[in-house]
Full PDB file with SEQRES, HELIX, SHEET, SSBOND, CRYST1, ORIGX, SCALE, CONECT and MASTER records, all heavy atoms in Angstrom:
SEQRES   1 A   34  LYS THR GLU ALA LYS ILE GLN HIS MET ILE GLN LYS ARG          
SEQRES   2 A   34  ARG LEU LYS ILE GLN GLU ILE LYS HIS SER VAL ASP LEU          
SEQRES   3 A   34  SER GLU GLU ASP ALA GLY ARG GLU                              
HELIX    1 AA1 THR A    2  ARG A   33  1                                  32    
CRYST1    1.000    1.000    1.000  90.00  90.00  90.00 P 1           1          
ORIGX1      1.000000  0.000000  0.000000        0.00000                         
ORIGX2      0.000000  1.000000  0.000000        0.00000                         
ORIGX3      0.000000  0.000000  1.000000        0.00000                         
SCALE1      1.000000  0.000000  0.000000        0.00000                         
SCALE2      0.000000  1.000000  0.000000        0.00000                         
SCALE3      0.000000  0.000000  1.000000        0.00000                         
ATOM      1  N   LYS A   1      55.389 -43.955   2.663  1.00  0.00           N  
ATOM      2  CA  LYS A   1      56.851 -43.880   2.664  1.00  0.00           C  
ATOM      3  C   LYS A   1      57.324 -42.668   3.454  1.00  0.00           C  
ATOM      4  O   LYS A   1      58.313 -42.736   4.191  1.00  0.00           O  
ATOM      5  CB  LYS A   1      57.367 -43.814   1.228  1.00  0.00           C  
ATOM      6  CG  LYS A   1      57.104 -45.072   0.416  1.00  0.00           C  
ATOM      7  CD  LYS A   1      57.629 -44.931  -1.009  1.00  0.00           C  
ATOM      8  CE  LYS A   1      57.365 -46.180  -1.829  1.00  0.00           C  
ATOM      9  NZ  LYS A   1      57.829 -46.030  -3.225  1.00  0.00           N  
ATOM     10  N   THR A   2      56.618 -41.541   3.272  1.00  0.00           N  
ATOM     11  CA  THR A   2      57.008 -40.326   4.000  1.00  0.00           C  
ATOM     12  C   THR A   2      56.863 -40.532   5.501  1.00  0.00           C  
ATOM     13  O   THR A   2      57.737 -40.131   6.281  1.00  0.00           O  
ATOM     14  CB  THR A   2      56.128 -39.144   3.543  1.00  0.00           C  
ATOM     15  OG1 THR A   2      56.302 -38.945   2.132  1.00  0.00           O  
ATOM     16  CG2 THR A   2      56.518 -37.871   4.285  1.00  0.00           C  
ATOM     17  N   GLU A   3      55.763 -41.163   5.902  1.00  0.00           N  
ATOM     18  CA  GLU A   3      55.557 -41.391   7.333  1.00  0.00           C  
ATOM     19  C   GLU A   3      56.635 -42.301   7.900  1.00  0.00           C  
ATOM     20  O   GLU A   3      57.153 -42.058   8.994  1.00  0.00           O  
ATOM     21  CB  GLU A   3      54.178 -42.007   7.557  1.00  0.00           C  
ATOM     22  CG  GLU A   3      53.861 -42.226   9.029  1.00  0.00           C  
ATOM     23  CD  GLU A   3      52.507 -42.865   9.253  1.00  0.00           C  
ATOM     24  OE1 GLU A   3      51.870 -43.226   8.243  1.00  0.00           O  
ATOM     25  OE2 GLU A   3      52.108 -43.018  10.405  1.00  0.00           O  
ATOM     26  N   ALA A   4      56.995 -43.359   7.138  1.00  0.00           N  
ATOM     27  CA  ALA A   4      58.039 -44.274   7.608  1.00  0.00           C  
ATOM     28  C   ALA A   4      59.373 -43.543   7.752  1.00  0.00           C  
ATOM     29  O   ALA A   4      60.121 -43.764   8.710  1.00  0.00           O  
ATOM     30  CB  ALA A   4      58.173 -45.450   6.636  1.00  0.00           C  
ATOM     31  N   LYS A   5      59.666 -42.661   6.800  1.00  0.00           N  
ATOM     32  CA  LYS A   5      60.918 -41.906   6.855  1.00  0.00           C  
ATOM     33  C   LYS A   5      60.940 -40.976   8.070  1.00  0.00           C  
ATOM     34  O   LYS A   5      61.956 -40.870   8.770  1.00  0.00           O  
ATOM     35  CB  LYS A   5      61.079 -41.099   5.565  1.00  0.00           C  
ATOM     36  CG  LYS A   5      62.387 -40.316   5.486  1.00  0.00           C  
ATOM     37  CD  LYS A   5      62.506 -39.592   4.154  1.00  0.00           C  
ATOM     38  CE  LYS A   5      63.815 -38.803   4.086  1.00  0.00           C  
ATOM     39  NZ  LYS A   5      63.928 -38.077   2.793  1.00  0.00           N  
ATOM     40  N   ILE A   6      59.829 -40.305   8.332  1.00  0.00           N  
ATOM     41  CA  ILE A   6      59.766 -39.399   9.480  1.00  0.00           C  
ATOM     42  C   ILE A   6      59.908 -40.171  10.783  1.00  0.00           C  
ATOM     43  O   ILE A   6      60.616 -39.743  11.703  1.00  0.00           O  
ATOM     44  CB  ILE A   6      58.443 -38.609   9.450  1.00  0.00           C  
ATOM     45  CG1 ILE A   6      58.432 -37.635   8.249  1.00  0.00           C  
ATOM     46  CG2 ILE A   6      58.243 -37.830  10.750  1.00  0.00           C  
ATOM     47  CD1 ILE A   6      57.127 -36.887   8.091  1.00  0.00           C  
ATOM     48  N   GLN A   7      59.243 -41.331  10.868  1.00  0.00           N  
ATOM     49  CA  GLN A   7      59.354 -42.140  12.074  1.00  0.00           C  
ATOM     50  C   GLN A   7      60.789 -42.596  12.299  1.00  0.00           C  
ATOM     51  O   GLN A   7      61.271 -42.644  13.437  1.00  0.00           O  
ATOM     52  CB  GLN A   7      58.430 -43.370  11.972  1.00  0.00           C  
ATOM     53  CG  GLN A   7      56.951 -43.048  12.081  1.00  0.00           C  
ATOM     54  CD  GLN A   7      56.580 -42.492  13.445  1.00  0.00           C  
ATOM     55  OE1 GLN A   7      57.254 -42.735  14.433  1.00  0.00           O  
ATOM     56  NE2 GLN A   7      55.495 -41.735  13.495  1.00  0.00           N  
ATOM     57  N   HIS A   8      61.482 -42.918  11.194  1.00  0.00           N  
ATOM     58  CA  HIS A   8      62.893 -43.317  11.302  1.00  0.00           C  
ATOM     59  C   HIS A   8      63.738 -42.155  11.819  1.00  0.00           C  
ATOM     60  O   HIS A   8      64.622 -42.344  12.677  1.00  0.00           O  
ATOM     61  CB  HIS A   8      63.402 -43.776   9.936  1.00  0.00           C  
ATOM     62  CG  HIS A   8      64.845 -44.176   9.923  1.00  0.00           C  
ATOM     63  ND1 HIS A   8      65.308 -45.284  10.600  1.00  0.00           N  
ATOM     64  CD2 HIS A   8      65.938 -43.592   9.343  1.00  0.00           C  
ATOM     65  CE1 HIS A   8      66.624 -45.381  10.429  1.00  0.00           C  
ATOM     66  NE2 HIS A   8      67.014 -44.370   9.685  1.00  0.00           N  
ATOM     67  N   MET A   9      63.466 -40.958  11.325  1.00  0.00           N  
ATOM     68  CA  MET A   9      64.197 -39.783  11.788  1.00  0.00           C  
ATOM     69  C   MET A   9      63.941 -39.513  13.269  1.00  0.00           C  
ATOM     70  O   MET A   9      64.854 -39.161  14.027  1.00  0.00           O  
ATOM     71  CB  MET A   9      63.801 -38.566  10.939  1.00  0.00           C  
ATOM     72  CG  MET A   9      64.218 -38.660   9.482  1.00  0.00           C  
ATOM     73  SD  MET A   9      63.546 -37.308   8.472  1.00  0.00           S  
ATOM     74  CE  MET A   9      64.488 -35.929   9.108  1.00  0.00           C  
ATOM     75  N   ILE A  10      62.686 -39.687  13.690  1.00  0.00           N  
ATOM     76  CA  ILE A  10      62.352 -39.488  15.104  1.00  0.00           C  
ATOM     77  C   ILE A  10      63.105 -40.487  15.971  1.00  0.00           C  
ATOM     78  O   ILE A  10      63.665 -40.140  17.017  1.00  0.00           O  
ATOM     79  CB  ILE A  10      60.832 -39.625  15.307  1.00  0.00           C  
ATOM     80  CG1 ILE A  10      60.098 -38.447  14.650  1.00  0.00           C  
ATOM     81  CG2 ILE A  10      60.486 -39.700  16.793  1.00  0.00           C  
ATOM     82  CD1 ILE A  10      58.588 -38.574  14.679  1.00  0.00           C  
ATOM     83  N   GLN A  11      63.136 -41.761  15.522  1.00  0.00           N  
ATOM     84  CA  GLN A  11      63.808 -42.787  16.302  1.00  0.00           C  
ATOM     85  C   GLN A  11      65.297 -42.505  16.435  1.00  0.00           C  
ATOM     86  O   GLN A  11      65.883 -42.679  17.515  1.00  0.00           O  
ATOM     87  CB  GLN A  11      63.582 -44.165  15.648  1.00  0.00           C  
ATOM     88  CG  GLN A  11      64.162 -45.328  16.432  1.00  0.00           C  
ATOM     89  CD  GLN A  11      63.542 -45.478  17.801  1.00  0.00           C  
ATOM     90  OE1 GLN A  11      62.431 -45.040  18.037  1.00  0.00           O  
ATOM     91  NE2 GLN A  11      64.265 -46.102  18.728  1.00  0.00           N  
ATOM     92  N   LYS A  12      65.922 -42.063  15.344  1.00  0.00           N  
ATOM     93  CA  LYS A  12      67.353 -41.747  15.387  1.00  0.00           C  
ATOM     94  C   LYS A  12      67.627 -40.633  16.389  1.00  0.00           C  
ATOM     95  O   LYS A  12      68.629 -40.667  17.123  1.00  0.00           O  
ATOM     96  CB  LYS A  12      67.840 -41.337  13.992  1.00  0.00           C  
ATOM     97  CG  LYS A  12      67.963 -42.485  13.016  1.00  0.00           C  
ATOM     98  CD  LYS A  12      68.464 -42.015  11.660  1.00  0.00           C  
ATOM     99  CE  LYS A  12      69.863 -41.458  11.746  1.00  0.00           C  
ATOM    100  NZ  LYS A  12      70.379 -41.058  10.417  1.00  0.00           N  
ATOM    101  N   ARG A  13      66.764 -39.645  16.438  1.00  0.00           N  
ATOM    102  CA  ARG A  13      66.976 -38.529  17.355  1.00  0.00           C  
ATOM    103  C   ARG A  13      66.712 -38.926  18.809  1.00  0.00           C  
ATOM    104  O   ARG A  13      67.353 -38.409  19.717  1.00  0.00           O  
ATOM    105  CB  ARG A  13      66.092 -37.352  16.924  1.00  0.00           C  
ATOM    106  CG  ARG A  13      66.717 -36.601  15.760  1.00  0.00           C  
ATOM    107  CD  ARG A  13      65.716 -35.967  14.819  1.00  0.00           C  
ATOM    108  NE  ARG A  13      66.443 -35.320  13.729  1.00  0.00           N  
ATOM    109  CZ  ARG A  13      66.947 -35.975  12.704  1.00  0.00           C  
ATOM    110  NH1 ARG A  13      66.831 -37.288  12.617  1.00  0.00           N  
ATOM    111  NH2 ARG A  13      67.611 -35.323  11.764  1.00  0.00           N  
ATOM    112  N   ARG A  14      65.789 -39.826  19.020  1.00  0.00           N  
ATOM    113  CA  ARG A  14      65.578 -40.319  20.373  1.00  0.00           C  
ATOM    114  C   ARG A  14      66.791 -41.099  20.867  1.00  0.00           C  
ATOM    115  O   ARG A  14      67.199 -40.984  22.023  1.00  0.00           O  
ATOM    116  CB  ARG A  14      64.333 -41.195  20.406  1.00  0.00           C  
ATOM    117  CG  ARG A  14      63.026 -40.390  20.370  1.00  0.00           C  
ATOM    118  CD  ARG A  14      61.814 -41.281  20.305  1.00  0.00           C  
ATOM    119  NE  ARG A  14      60.582 -40.494  20.450  1.00  0.00           N  
ATOM    120  CZ  ARG A  14      59.370 -40.944  20.147  1.00  0.00           C  
ATOM    121  NH1 ARG A  14      59.221 -42.173  19.675  1.00  0.00           N  
ATOM    122  NH2 ARG A  14      58.303 -40.178  20.307  1.00  0.00           N  
ATOM    123  N   LEU A  15      67.361 -41.893  19.961  1.00  0.00           N  
ATOM    124  CA  LEU A  15      68.569 -42.626  20.328  1.00  0.00           C  
ATOM    125  C   LEU A  15      69.723 -41.672  20.607  1.00  0.00           C  
ATOM    126  O   LEU A  15      70.541 -41.915  21.506  1.00  0.00           O  
ATOM    127  CB  LEU A  15      68.945 -43.602  19.200  1.00  0.00           C  
ATOM    128  CG  LEU A  15      67.985 -44.781  18.994  1.00  0.00           C  
ATOM    129  CD1 LEU A  15      68.393 -45.594  17.781  1.00  0.00           C  
ATOM    130  CD2 LEU A  15      67.956 -45.677  20.243  1.00  0.00           C  
ATOM    131  N   LYS A  16      69.791 -40.589  19.827  1.00  0.00           N  
ATOM    132  CA  LYS A  16      70.861 -39.611  20.039  1.00  0.00           C  
ATOM    133  C   LYS A  16      70.700 -38.930  21.397  1.00  0.00           C  
ATOM    134  O   LYS A  16      71.693 -38.646  22.087  1.00  0.00           O  
ATOM    135  CB  LYS A  16      70.844 -38.575  18.911  1.00  0.00           C  
ATOM    136  CG  LYS A  16      71.911 -37.501  19.032  1.00  0.00           C  
ATOM    137  CD  LYS A  16      73.305 -38.078  19.071  1.00  0.00           C  
ATOM    138  CE  LYS A  16      73.694 -38.682  17.743  1.00  0.00           C  
ATOM    139  NZ  LYS A  16      75.129 -39.097  17.753  1.00  0.00           N  
ATOM    140  N   ILE A  17      69.447 -38.674  21.805  1.00  0.00           N  
ATOM    141  CA  ILE A  17      69.210 -38.083  23.127  1.00  0.00           C  
ATOM    142  C   ILE A  17      69.709 -39.024  24.218  1.00  0.00           C  
ATOM    143  O   ILE A  17      70.357 -38.602  25.184  1.00  0.00           O  
ATOM    144  CB  ILE A  17      67.718 -37.770  23.311  1.00  0.00           C  
ATOM    145  CG1 ILE A  17      67.318 -36.564  22.451  1.00  0.00           C  
ATOM    146  CG2 ILE A  17      67.392 -37.489  24.773  1.00  0.00           C  
ATOM    147  CD1 ILE A  17      65.855 -36.210  22.547  1.00  0.00           C  
ATOM    148  N   GLN A  18      69.415 -40.330  24.062  1.00  0.00           N  
ATOM    149  CA  GLN A  18      69.899 -41.303  25.038  1.00  0.00           C  
ATOM    150  C   GLN A  18      71.416 -41.321  25.082  1.00  0.00           C  
ATOM    151  O   GLN A  18      72.018 -41.409  26.162  1.00  0.00           O  
ATOM    152  CB  GLN A  18      69.355 -42.690  24.693  1.00  0.00           C  
ATOM    153  CG  GLN A  18      67.843 -42.817  24.812  1.00  0.00           C  
ATOM    154  CD  GLN A  18      67.357 -44.198  24.429  1.00  0.00           C  
ATOM    155  OE1 GLN A  18      68.136 -45.082  24.099  1.00  0.00           O  
ATOM    156  NE2 GLN A  18      66.038 -44.390  24.479  1.00  0.00           N  
ATOM    157  N   GLU A  19      72.027 -41.246  23.909  1.00  0.00           N  
ATOM    158  CA  GLU A  19      73.492 -41.245  23.849  1.00  0.00           C  
ATOM    159  C   GLU A  19      74.070 -40.025  24.565  1.00  0.00           C  
ATOM    160  O   GLU A  19      75.040 -40.134  25.329  1.00  0.00           O  
ATOM    161  CB  GLU A  19      73.940 -41.254  22.385  1.00  0.00           C  
ATOM    162  CG  GLU A  19      75.448 -41.183  22.204  1.00  0.00           C  
ATOM    163  CD  GLU A  19      75.844 -41.046  20.749  1.00  0.00           C  
ATOM    164  OE1 GLU A  19      75.061 -41.483  19.881  1.00  0.00           O  
ATOM    165  OE2 GLU A  19      76.918 -40.476  20.476  1.00  0.00           O  
ATOM    166  N   ILE A  20      73.457 -38.874  24.330  1.00  0.00           N  
ATOM    167  CA  ILE A  20      73.956 -37.650  24.964  1.00  0.00           C  
ATOM    168  C   ILE A  20      73.761 -37.700  26.475  1.00  0.00           C  
ATOM    169  O   ILE A  20      74.651 -37.308  27.241  1.00  0.00           O  
ATOM    170  CB  ILE A  20      73.258 -36.421  24.353  1.00  0.00           C  
ATOM    171  CG1 ILE A  20      73.699 -36.233  22.888  1.00  0.00           C  
ATOM    172  CG2 ILE A  20      73.565 -35.155  25.153  1.00  0.00           C  
ATOM    173  CD1 ILE A  20      72.982 -35.115  22.171  1.00  0.00           C  
ATOM    174  N   LYS A  21      72.600 -38.175  26.910  1.00  0.00           N  
ATOM    175  CA  LYS A  21      72.361 -38.275  28.349  1.00  0.00           C  
ATOM    176  C   LYS A  21      73.357 -39.233  28.999  1.00  0.00           C  
ATOM    177  O   LYS A  21      73.840 -38.986  30.113  1.00  0.00           O  
ATOM    178  CB  LYS A  21      70.931 -38.746  28.604  1.00  0.00           C  
ATOM    179  CG  LYS A  21      69.874 -37.691  28.317  1.00  0.00           C  
ATOM    180  CD  LYS A  21      68.484 -38.206  28.639  1.00  0.00           C  
ATOM    181  CE  LYS A  21      67.437 -37.111  28.423  1.00  0.00           C  
ATOM    182  NZ  LYS A  21      66.056 -37.590  28.724  1.00  0.00           N  
ATOM    183  N   HIS A  22      73.661 -40.327  28.288  1.00  0.00           N  
ATOM    184  CA  HIS A  22      74.650 -41.274  28.818  1.00  0.00           C  
ATOM    185  C   HIS A  22      76.022 -40.619  28.903  1.00  0.00           C  
ATOM    186  O   HIS A  22      76.770 -40.841  29.873  1.00  0.00           O  
ATOM    187  CB  HIS A  22      74.704 -42.512  27.920  1.00  0.00           C  
ATOM    188  CG  HIS A  22      75.681 -43.545  28.384  1.00  0.00           C  
ATOM    189  ND1 HIS A  22      75.542 -44.199  29.580  1.00  0.00           N  
ATOM    190  CD2 HIS A  22      76.826 -44.022  27.805  1.00  0.00           C  
ATOM    191  CE1 HIS A  22      76.556 -45.048  29.737  1.00  0.00           C  
ATOM    192  NE2 HIS A  22      77.333 -44.957  28.672  1.00  0.00           N  
ATOM    193  N   SER A  23      76.357 -39.806  27.893  1.00  0.00           N  
ATOM    194  CA  SER A  23      77.635 -39.099  27.918  1.00  0.00           C  
ATOM    195  C   SER A  23      77.712 -38.145  29.099  1.00  0.00           C  
ATOM    196  O   SER A  23      78.764 -37.992  29.733  1.00  0.00           O  
ATOM    197  CB  SER A  23      77.832 -38.321  26.603  1.00  0.00           C  
ATOM    198  OG  SER A  23      77.873 -39.193  25.504  1.00  0.00           O  
ATOM    199  N   VAL A  24      76.573 -37.514  29.408  1.00  0.00           N  
ATOM    200  CA  VAL A  24      76.541 -36.606  30.558  1.00  0.00           C  
ATOM    201  C   VAL A  24      76.767 -37.380  31.854  1.00  0.00           C  
ATOM    202  O   VAL A  24      77.490 -36.929  32.745  1.00  0.00           O  
ATOM    203  CB  VAL A  24      75.199 -35.845  30.601  1.00  0.00           C  
ATOM    204  CG1 VAL A  24      75.079 -35.037  31.885  1.00  0.00           C  
ATOM    205  CG2 VAL A  24      75.072 -34.923  29.392  1.00  0.00           C  
ATOM    206  N   ASP A  25      76.147 -38.576  31.943  1.00  0.00           N  
ATOM    207  CA  ASP A  25      76.349 -39.399  33.140  1.00  0.00           C  
ATOM    208  C   ASP A  25      77.811 -39.795  33.299  1.00  0.00           C  
ATOM    209  O   ASP A  25      78.375 -39.722  34.398  1.00  0.00           O  
ATOM    210  CB  ASP A  25      75.470 -40.653  33.064  1.00  0.00           C  
ATOM    211  CG  ASP A  25      73.989 -40.336  33.148  1.00  0.00           C  
ATOM    212  OD1 ASP A  25      73.651 -39.245  33.662  1.00  0.00           O  
ATOM    213  OD2 ASP A  25      73.178 -41.156  32.687  1.00  0.00           O  
ATOM    214  N   LEU A  26      78.431 -40.216  32.194  1.00  0.00           N  
ATOM    215  CA  LEU A  26      79.849 -40.577  32.253  1.00  0.00           C  
ATOM    216  C   LEU A  26      80.706 -39.371  32.597  1.00  0.00           C  
ATOM    217  O   LEU A  26      81.685 -39.470  33.339  1.00  0.00           O  
ATOM    218  CB  LEU A  26      80.292 -41.165  30.901  1.00  0.00           C  
ATOM    219  CG  LEU A  26      79.671 -42.505  30.514  1.00  0.00           C  
ATOM    220  CD1 LEU A  26      80.168 -42.938  29.138  1.00  0.00           C  
ATOM    221  CD2 LEU A  26      79.999 -43.577  31.545  1.00  0.00           C  
ATOM    222  N   SER A  27      80.303 -38.224  32.034  1.00  0.00           N  
ATOM    223  CA  SER A  27      81.044 -37.001  32.328  1.00  0.00           C  
ATOM    224  C   SER A  27      80.986 -36.675  33.811  1.00  0.00           C  
ATOM    225  O   SER A  27      81.976 -36.256  34.421  1.00  0.00           O  
ATOM    226  CB  SER A  27      80.464 -35.840  31.504  1.00  0.00           C  
ATOM    227  OG  SER A  27      81.033 -34.613  31.897  1.00  0.00           O  
ATOM    228  N   GLU A  28      79.810 -36.884  34.413  1.00  0.00           N  
ATOM    229  CA  GLU A  28      79.662 -36.609  35.844  1.00  0.00           C  
ATOM    230  C   GLU A  28      80.533 -37.551  36.664  1.00  0.00           C  
ATOM    231  O   GLU A  28      81.151 -37.138  37.657  1.00  0.00           O  
ATOM    232  CB  GLU A  28      78.191 -36.764  36.230  1.00  0.00           C  
ATOM    233  CG  GLU A  28      77.901 -36.486  37.699  1.00  0.00           C  
ATOM    234  CD  GLU A  28      78.235 -35.062  38.103  1.00  0.00           C  
ATOM    235  OE1 GLU A  28      78.156 -34.163  37.241  1.00  0.00           O  
ATOM    236  OE2 GLU A  28      78.596 -34.859  39.278  1.00  0.00           O  
ATOM    237  N   GLU A  29      80.586 -38.808  36.237  1.00  0.00           N  
ATOM    238  CA  GLU A  29      81.430 -39.764  36.951  1.00  0.00           C  
ATOM    239  C   GLU A  29      82.901 -39.369  36.842  1.00  0.00           C  
ATOM    240  O   GLU A  29      83.646 -39.400  37.837  1.00  0.00           O  
ATOM    241  CB  GLU A  29      81.228 -41.164  36.379  1.00  0.00           C  
ATOM    242  CG  GLU A  29      79.844 -41.740  36.631  1.00  0.00           C  
ATOM    243  CD  GLU A  29      79.662 -43.088  35.982  1.00  0.00           C  
ATOM    244  OE1 GLU A  29      80.661 -43.603  35.401  1.00  0.00           O  
ATOM    245  OE2 GLU A  29      78.550 -43.641  36.041  1.00  0.00           O  
ATOM    246  N   ASP A  30      83.325 -39.024  35.629  1.00  0.00           N  
ATOM    247  CA  ASP A  30      84.719 -38.605  35.439  1.00  0.00           C  
ATOM    248  C   ASP A  30      85.019 -37.355  36.243  1.00  0.00           C  
ATOM    249  O   ASP A  30      86.097 -37.224  36.848  1.00  0.00           O  
ATOM    250  CB  ASP A  30      84.991 -38.346  33.953  1.00  0.00           C  
ATOM    251  CG  ASP A  30      84.989 -39.637  33.150  1.00  0.00           C  
ATOM    252  OD1 ASP A  30      85.097 -40.714  33.772  1.00  0.00           O  
ATOM    253  OD2 ASP A  30      84.878 -39.562  31.914  1.00  0.00           O  
ATOM    254  N   ALA A  31      84.057 -36.421  36.246  1.00  0.00           N  
ATOM    255  CA  ALA A  31      84.268 -35.178  36.986  1.00  0.00           C  
ATOM    256  C   ALA A  31      84.433 -35.459  38.478  1.00  0.00           C  
ATOM    257  O   ALA A  31      85.311 -34.897  39.150  1.00  0.00           O  
ATOM    258  CB  ALA A  31      83.115 -34.216  36.752  1.00  0.00           C  
ATOM    259  N   GLY A  32      83.589 -36.351  39.005  1.00  0.00           N  
ATOM    260  CA  GLY A  32      83.708 -36.689  40.415  1.00  0.00           C  
ATOM    261  C   GLY A  32      85.026 -37.355  40.744  1.00  0.00           C  
ATOM    262  O   GLY A  32      85.659 -37.061  41.770  1.00  0.00           O  
ATOM    263  N   ARG A  33      85.444 -38.253  39.848  1.00  0.00           N  
ATOM    264  CA  ARG A  33      86.722 -38.937  40.058  1.00  0.00           C  
ATOM    265  C   ARG A  33      87.887 -37.962  40.027  1.00  0.00           C  
ATOM    266  O   ARG A  33      88.801 -38.013  40.863  1.00  0.00           O  
ATOM    267  CB  ARG A  33      86.883 -40.032  39.006  1.00  0.00           C  
ATOM    268  CG  ARG A  33      88.117 -40.882  39.197  1.00  0.00           C  
ATOM    269  CD  ARG A  33      88.072 -42.124  38.320  1.00  0.00           C  
ATOM    270  NE  ARG A  33      87.706 -41.821  36.953  1.00  0.00           N  
ATOM    271  CZ  ARG A  33      86.536 -42.156  36.402  1.00  0.00           C  
ATOM    272  NH1 ARG A  33      85.622 -42.749  37.135  1.00  0.00           N  
ATOM    273  NH2 ARG A  33      86.267 -41.855  35.150  1.00  0.00           N  
ATOM    274  N   GLU A  34      87.846 -37.071  39.056  1.00  0.00           N  
ATOM    275  CA  GLU A  34      88.930 -36.096  38.946  1.00  0.00           C  
ATOM    276  C   GLU A  34      88.950 -35.143  40.138  1.00  0.00           C  
ATOM    277  O   GLU A  34      90.006 -34.758  40.639  1.00  0.00           O  
ATOM    278  CB  GLU A  34      88.773 -35.298  37.647  1.00  0.00           C  
ATOM    279  CG  GLU A  34      89.073 -36.083  36.387  1.00  0.00           C  
ATOM    280  CD  GLU A  34      90.523 -36.522  36.307  1.00  0.00           C  
ATOM    281  OE1 GLU A  34      91.402 -35.716  36.696  1.00  0.00           O  
ATOM    282  OE2 GLU A  34      90.782 -37.661  35.872  1.00  0.00           O  
TER     283      GLU A  34                                                      
MASTER        0    0    0    1    0    0    0    6  282    1    0    3          
END                                                                             
């Protein structure tokens, strides 16, 4: 159970990294447009 919980936490943080990187990409696009 502990291992499953840790793996779930790792997955959530990996998804959060993808979300942040995507936000940076959108930010760059907005910055260029502005």
